[in-house]
Amino acid sequence: MAGSIVTNGMSMQALTLLLSRFQREMILDQTGLEGSFEIQLEWSPNQSTDGPALPTALQEQLGLRLESHKGPVDVLVVDSAEKIPADN
């Protein structure tokens, strides 16, 4: 099992931030749940027989559901960058 989160106290907002990093996709907390939760989550990051994919693991192990939505996202664009010369 390659994906695993085990903690005695994590907020839903922290969980979604962590899952966003694992998935390299933006995951938002829309549960409305506040406070800290004990979390034990294990999943397989690739489609192997080692375990469930993340959406399945979230549903089966934590009772949470991932839904895909499209919407506006703020993006920071860097047009150019220049190296500042160091003093000699």
N, C-alpha and C. Protein backbone atom coordinates (compact mmCIF):
# COMPACT_ATOMS: atom_id res chain seq x y z
N MET A 1 0.86 -1.17 0.00
CA MET A 1 0.00 0.00 0.00
C MET A 1 0.90 1.23 0.00
N ALA A 2 0.85 2.03 -1.03
CA ALA A 2 1.77 3.16 -1.16
C ALA A 2 1.22 4.45 -0.56
N GLY A 3 -0.10 4.65 -0.54
CA GLY A 3 -0.68 5.87 0.01
C GLY A 3 -1.26 5.60 1.37
N SER A 4 -0.87 6.42 2.36
CA SER A 4 -1.34 6.18 3.72
C SER A 4 -1.32 7.47 4.52
N ILE A 5 -2.40 7.74 5.24
CA ILE A 5 -2.47 8.85 6.18
C ILE A 5 -3.02 8.28 7.48
N VAL A 6 -2.26 8.42 8.55
CA VAL A 6 -2.71 7.97 9.87
C VAL A 6 -2.42 9.10 10.84
N THR A 7 -3.47 9.62 11.48
CA THR A 7 -3.30 10.74 12.41
C THR A 7 -4.38 10.71 13.48
N ASN A 8 -4.05 11.25 14.63
CA ASN A 8 -5.03 11.34 15.73
C ASN A 8 -5.81 12.63 15.71
N GLY A 9 -5.38 13.61 14.91
CA GLY A 9 -6.09 14.88 14.89
C GLY A 9 -5.78 15.69 13.66
N MET A 10 -6.70 15.70 12.70
CA MET A 10 -6.51 16.47 11.47
C MET A 10 -7.85 17.07 11.05
N SER A 11 -7.82 18.32 10.64
CA SER A 11 -9.04 18.97 10.15
C SER A 11 -9.32 18.52 8.72
N MET A 12 -10.55 18.68 8.29
CA MET A 12 -10.91 18.35 6.92
C MET A 12 -10.14 19.24 5.94
N GLN A 13 -9.93 20.50 6.31
CA GLN A 13 -9.18 21.41 5.45
C GLN A 13 -7.74 20.92 5.28
N ALA A 14 -7.11 20.46 6.36
CA ALA A 14 -5.74 19.93 6.27
C ALA A 14 -5.71 18.65 5.45
N LEU A 15 -6.73 17.80 5.62
CA LEU A 15 -6.79 16.57 4.84
C LEU A 15 -6.89 16.85 3.36
N THR A 16 -7.74 17.80 2.97
CA THR A 16 -7.88 18.10 1.54
C THR A 16 -6.60 18.72 0.97
N LEU A 17 -5.91 19.52 1.75
CA LEU A 17 -4.63 20.09 1.31
C LEU A 17 -3.61 18.99 1.08
N LEU A 18 -3.53 18.04 2.01
CA LEU A 18 -2.60 16.92 1.88
C LEU A 18 -2.96 16.04 0.69
N LEU A 19 -4.23 15.75 0.52
CA LEU A 19 -4.66 14.92 -0.61
C LEU A 19 -4.40 15.63 -1.94
N SER A 20 -4.54 16.95 -1.97
CA SER A 20 -4.24 17.72 -3.18
C SER A 20 -2.79 17.53 -3.59
N ARG A 21 -1.91 17.48 -2.61
CA ARG A 21 -0.49 17.29 -2.91
C ARG A 21 -0.22 15.89 -3.44
N PHE A 22 -0.88 14.89 -2.83
CA PHE A 22 -0.72 13.51 -3.31
C PHE A 22 -1.25 13.35 -4.73
N GLN A 23 -2.39 13.94 -5.00
CA GLN A 23 -3.07 13.76 -6.29
C GLN A 23 -2.61 14.73 -7.36
N ARG A 24 -1.91 15.80 -6.95
CA ARG A 24 -1.50 16.88 -7.86
C ARG A 24 -2.71 17.48 -8.57
N GLU A 25 -3.81 17.57 -7.84
CA GLU A 25 -5.04 18.20 -8.29
C GLU A 25 -5.59 18.98 -7.10
N MET A 26 -6.36 20.02 -7.38
CA MET A 26 -6.96 20.79 -6.31
C MET A 26 -8.16 20.02 -5.75
N ILE A 27 -8.13 19.78 -4.45
CA ILE A 27 -9.24 19.15 -3.75
C ILE A 27 -9.70 20.14 -2.70
N LEU A 28 -10.97 20.46 -2.71
CA LEU A 28 -11.54 21.45 -1.80
C LEU A 28 -12.40 20.77 -0.74
N ASP A 29 -12.37 21.32 0.47
CA ASP A 29 -13.22 20.82 1.55
C ASP A 29 -14.59 21.48 1.44
N GLN A 30 -15.59 20.69 1.15
CA GLN A 30 -16.96 21.19 1.12
C GLN A 30 -17.84 20.39 2.08
N THR A 31 -17.21 19.77 3.09
CA THR A 31 -17.95 18.95 4.04
C THR A 31 -18.72 19.78 5.05
N GLY A 32 -18.19 20.96 5.39
CA GLY A 32 -18.80 21.76 6.44
C GLY A 32 -18.45 21.26 7.83
N LEU A 33 -17.60 20.23 7.92
CA LEU A 33 -17.20 19.66 9.21
C LEU A 33 -16.07 20.48 9.81
N GLU A 34 -16.18 20.79 11.10
CA GLU A 34 -15.15 21.54 11.80
C GLU A 34 -14.56 20.67 12.89
N GLY A 35 -13.37 21.00 13.32
CA GLY A 35 -12.71 20.24 14.38
C GLY A 35 -11.67 19.31 13.81
N SER A 36 -11.09 18.51 14.72
CA SER A 36 -10.06 17.56 14.33
C SER A 36 -10.63 16.15 14.37
N PHE A 37 -10.14 15.32 13.47
CA PHE A 37 -10.64 13.96 13.34
C PHE A 37 -9.49 12.97 13.32
N GLU A 38 -9.74 11.79 13.89
CA GLU A 38 -8.80 10.69 13.78
C GLU A 38 -8.98 10.09 12.39
N ILE A 39 -7.89 9.98 11.65
CA ILE A 39 -7.96 9.51 10.26
C ILE A 39 -7.00 8.36 10.06
N GLN A 40 -7.52 7.29 9.47
CA GLN A 40 -6.68 6.18 9.03
C GLN A 40 -7.14 5.85 7.61
N LEU A 41 -6.32 6.21 6.65
CA LEU A 41 -6.67 6.08 5.24
C LEU A 41 -5.51 5.42 4.50
N GLU A 42 -5.82 4.38 3.74
CA GLU A 42 -4.81 3.70 2.92
C GLU A 42 -5.38 3.49 1.54
N TRP A 43 -4.57 3.79 0.51
CA TRP A 43 -5.01 3.64 -0.87
C TRP A 43 -3.82 3.33 -1.76
N SER A 44 -4.12 2.94 -2.97
CA SER A 44 -3.10 2.67 -3.98
C SER A 44 -3.08 3.82 -4.97
N PRO A 45 -1.95 4.51 -5.12
CA PRO A 45 -1.90 5.66 -6.01
C PRO A 45 -1.99 5.29 -7.50
N ASN A 46 -1.73 4.04 -7.82
CA ASN A 46 -1.89 3.62 -9.22
C ASN A 46 -2.94 2.51 -9.26
N GLN A 47 -3.42 2.20 -10.43
CA GLN A 47 -4.49 1.21 -10.58
C GLN A 47 -3.94 -0.20 -10.47
N SER A 48 -3.48 -0.57 -9.29
CA SER A 48 -2.94 -1.91 -9.09
C SER A 48 -3.86 -2.70 -8.17
N THR A 49 -3.50 -3.91 -7.93
CA THR A 49 -4.31 -4.75 -7.05
C THR A 49 -3.88 -4.62 -5.59
N ASP A 50 -2.95 -3.70 -5.30
CA ASP A 50 -2.46 -3.51 -3.94
C ASP A 50 -3.48 -2.88 -3.01
N GLY A 51 -4.50 -2.27 -3.55
CA GLY A 51 -5.50 -1.61 -2.73
C GLY A 51 -6.40 -0.74 -3.57
N PRO A 52 -7.37 -0.10 -2.91
CA PRO A 52 -8.32 0.74 -3.65
C PRO A 52 -7.70 2.06 -4.09
N ALA A 53 -8.27 2.63 -5.14
CA ALA A 53 -7.89 3.97 -5.58
C ALA A 53 -8.39 4.97 -4.53
N LEU A 54 -7.86 6.18 -4.54
CA LEU A 54 -8.19 7.17 -3.53
C LEU A 54 -9.69 7.43 -3.40
N PRO A 55 -10.44 7.67 -4.48
CA PRO A 55 -11.88 7.92 -4.30
C PRO A 55 -12.61 6.76 -3.61
N THR A 56 -12.25 5.55 -3.96
CA THR A 56 -12.87 4.37 -3.34
C THR A 56 -12.48 4.27 -1.88
N ALA A 57 -11.21 4.49 -1.58
CA ALA A 57 -10.72 4.42 -0.19
C ALA A 57 -11.40 5.48 0.68
N LEU A 58 -11.54 6.70 0.17
CA LEU A 58 -12.21 7.76 0.93
C LEU A 58 -13.64 7.36 1.26
N GLN A 59 -14.35 6.80 0.28
CA GLN A 59 -15.75 6.40 0.48
C GLN A 59 -15.84 5.25 1.48
N GLU A 60 -15.05 4.21 1.27
CA GLU A 60 -15.15 3.01 2.10
C GLU A 60 -14.58 3.20 3.51
N GLN A 61 -13.49 3.93 3.65
CA GLN A 61 -12.80 4.01 4.93
C GLN A 61 -13.22 5.22 5.78
N LEU A 62 -13.60 6.32 5.12
CA LEU A 62 -13.95 7.53 5.87
C LEU A 62 -15.37 8.03 5.62
N GLY A 63 -16.05 7.44 4.65
CA GLY A 63 -17.41 7.90 4.35
C GLY A 63 -17.44 9.24 3.63
N LEU A 64 -16.34 9.62 2.98
CA LEU A 64 -16.25 10.87 2.23
C LEU A 64 -16.30 10.57 0.75
N ARG A 65 -16.80 11.51 -0.04
CA ARG A 65 -16.93 11.30 -1.49
C ARG A 65 -16.25 12.44 -2.23
N LEU A 66 -15.46 12.08 -3.24
CA LEU A 66 -14.86 13.07 -4.13
C LEU A 66 -15.79 13.28 -5.31
N GLU A 67 -16.06 14.53 -5.64
CA GLU A 67 -16.86 14.88 -6.81
C GLU A 67 -16.04 15.80 -7.69
N SER A 68 -16.09 15.58 -8.98
CA SER A 68 -15.36 16.41 -9.92
C SER A 68 -16.24 17.56 -10.38
N HIS A 69 -15.71 18.77 -10.29
CA HIS A 69 -16.42 19.98 -10.74
C HIS A 69 -15.44 20.87 -11.50
N LYS A 70 -15.96 21.63 -12.42
CA LYS A 70 -15.14 22.64 -13.09
C LYS A 70 -15.57 24.01 -12.58
N GLY A 71 -14.59 24.88 -12.45
CA GLY A 71 -14.90 26.21 -11.98
C GLY A 71 -13.71 27.12 -12.14
N PRO A 72 -13.89 28.38 -11.82
CA PRO A 72 -12.78 29.33 -11.95
C PRO A 72 -11.71 29.07 -10.89
N VAL A 73 -10.47 29.24 -11.30
CA VAL A 73 -9.34 29.04 -10.40
C VAL A 73 -8.38 30.21 -10.57
N ASP A 74 -7.92 30.76 -9.45
CA ASP A 74 -6.92 31.82 -9.51
C ASP A 74 -5.58 31.22 -9.91
N VAL A 75 -4.91 31.88 -10.85
CA VAL A 75 -3.63 31.39 -11.34
C VAL A 75 -2.64 32.55 -11.30
N LEU A 76 -1.44 32.29 -10.82
CA LEU A 76 -0.37 33.27 -10.81
C LEU A 76 0.52 32.99 -12.01
N VAL A 77 0.71 34.00 -12.88
CA VAL A 77 1.52 33.84 -14.08
C VAL A 77 2.73 34.75 -13.96
N VAL A 78 3.92 34.19 -14.15
CA VAL A 78 5.16 34.97 -14.15
C VAL A 78 5.54 35.19 -15.61
N ASP A 79 5.48 36.46 -16.07
CA ASP A 79 5.79 36.78 -17.46
C ASP A 79 7.29 36.73 -17.75
N SER A 80 8.08 37.19 -16.81
CA SER A 80 9.52 37.16 -17.02
C SER A 80 10.22 37.27 -15.67
N ALA A 81 11.50 36.95 -15.69
CA ALA A 81 12.31 37.06 -14.48
C ALA A 81 13.71 37.46 -14.91
N GLU A 82 14.33 38.28 -14.09
CA GLU A 82 15.70 38.72 -14.38
C GLU A 82 16.56 38.46 -13.16
N LYS A 83 17.78 38.02 -13.41
CA LYS A 83 18.72 37.79 -12.34
C LYS A 83 19.28 39.14 -11.90
N ILE A 84 19.26 39.38 -10.61
CA ILE A 84 19.81 40.62 -10.07
C ILE A 84 21.32 40.43 -9.97
N PRO A 85 22.09 41.35 -10.56
CA PRO A 85 23.56 41.19 -10.49
C PRO A 85 24.06 41.31 -9.04
N ALA A 86 24.99 40.45 -8.71
CA ALA A 86 25.60 40.48 -7.37
C ALA A 86 26.69 41.57 -7.36
N ASP A 87 26.80 42.25 -6.22
CA ASP A 87 27.86 43.26 -6.08
C ASP A 87 29.23 42.59 -6.09
N ASN A 88 30.16 43.19 -6.85
CA ASN A 88 31.53 42.62 -6.93
C ASN A 88 32.40 43.26 -5.91
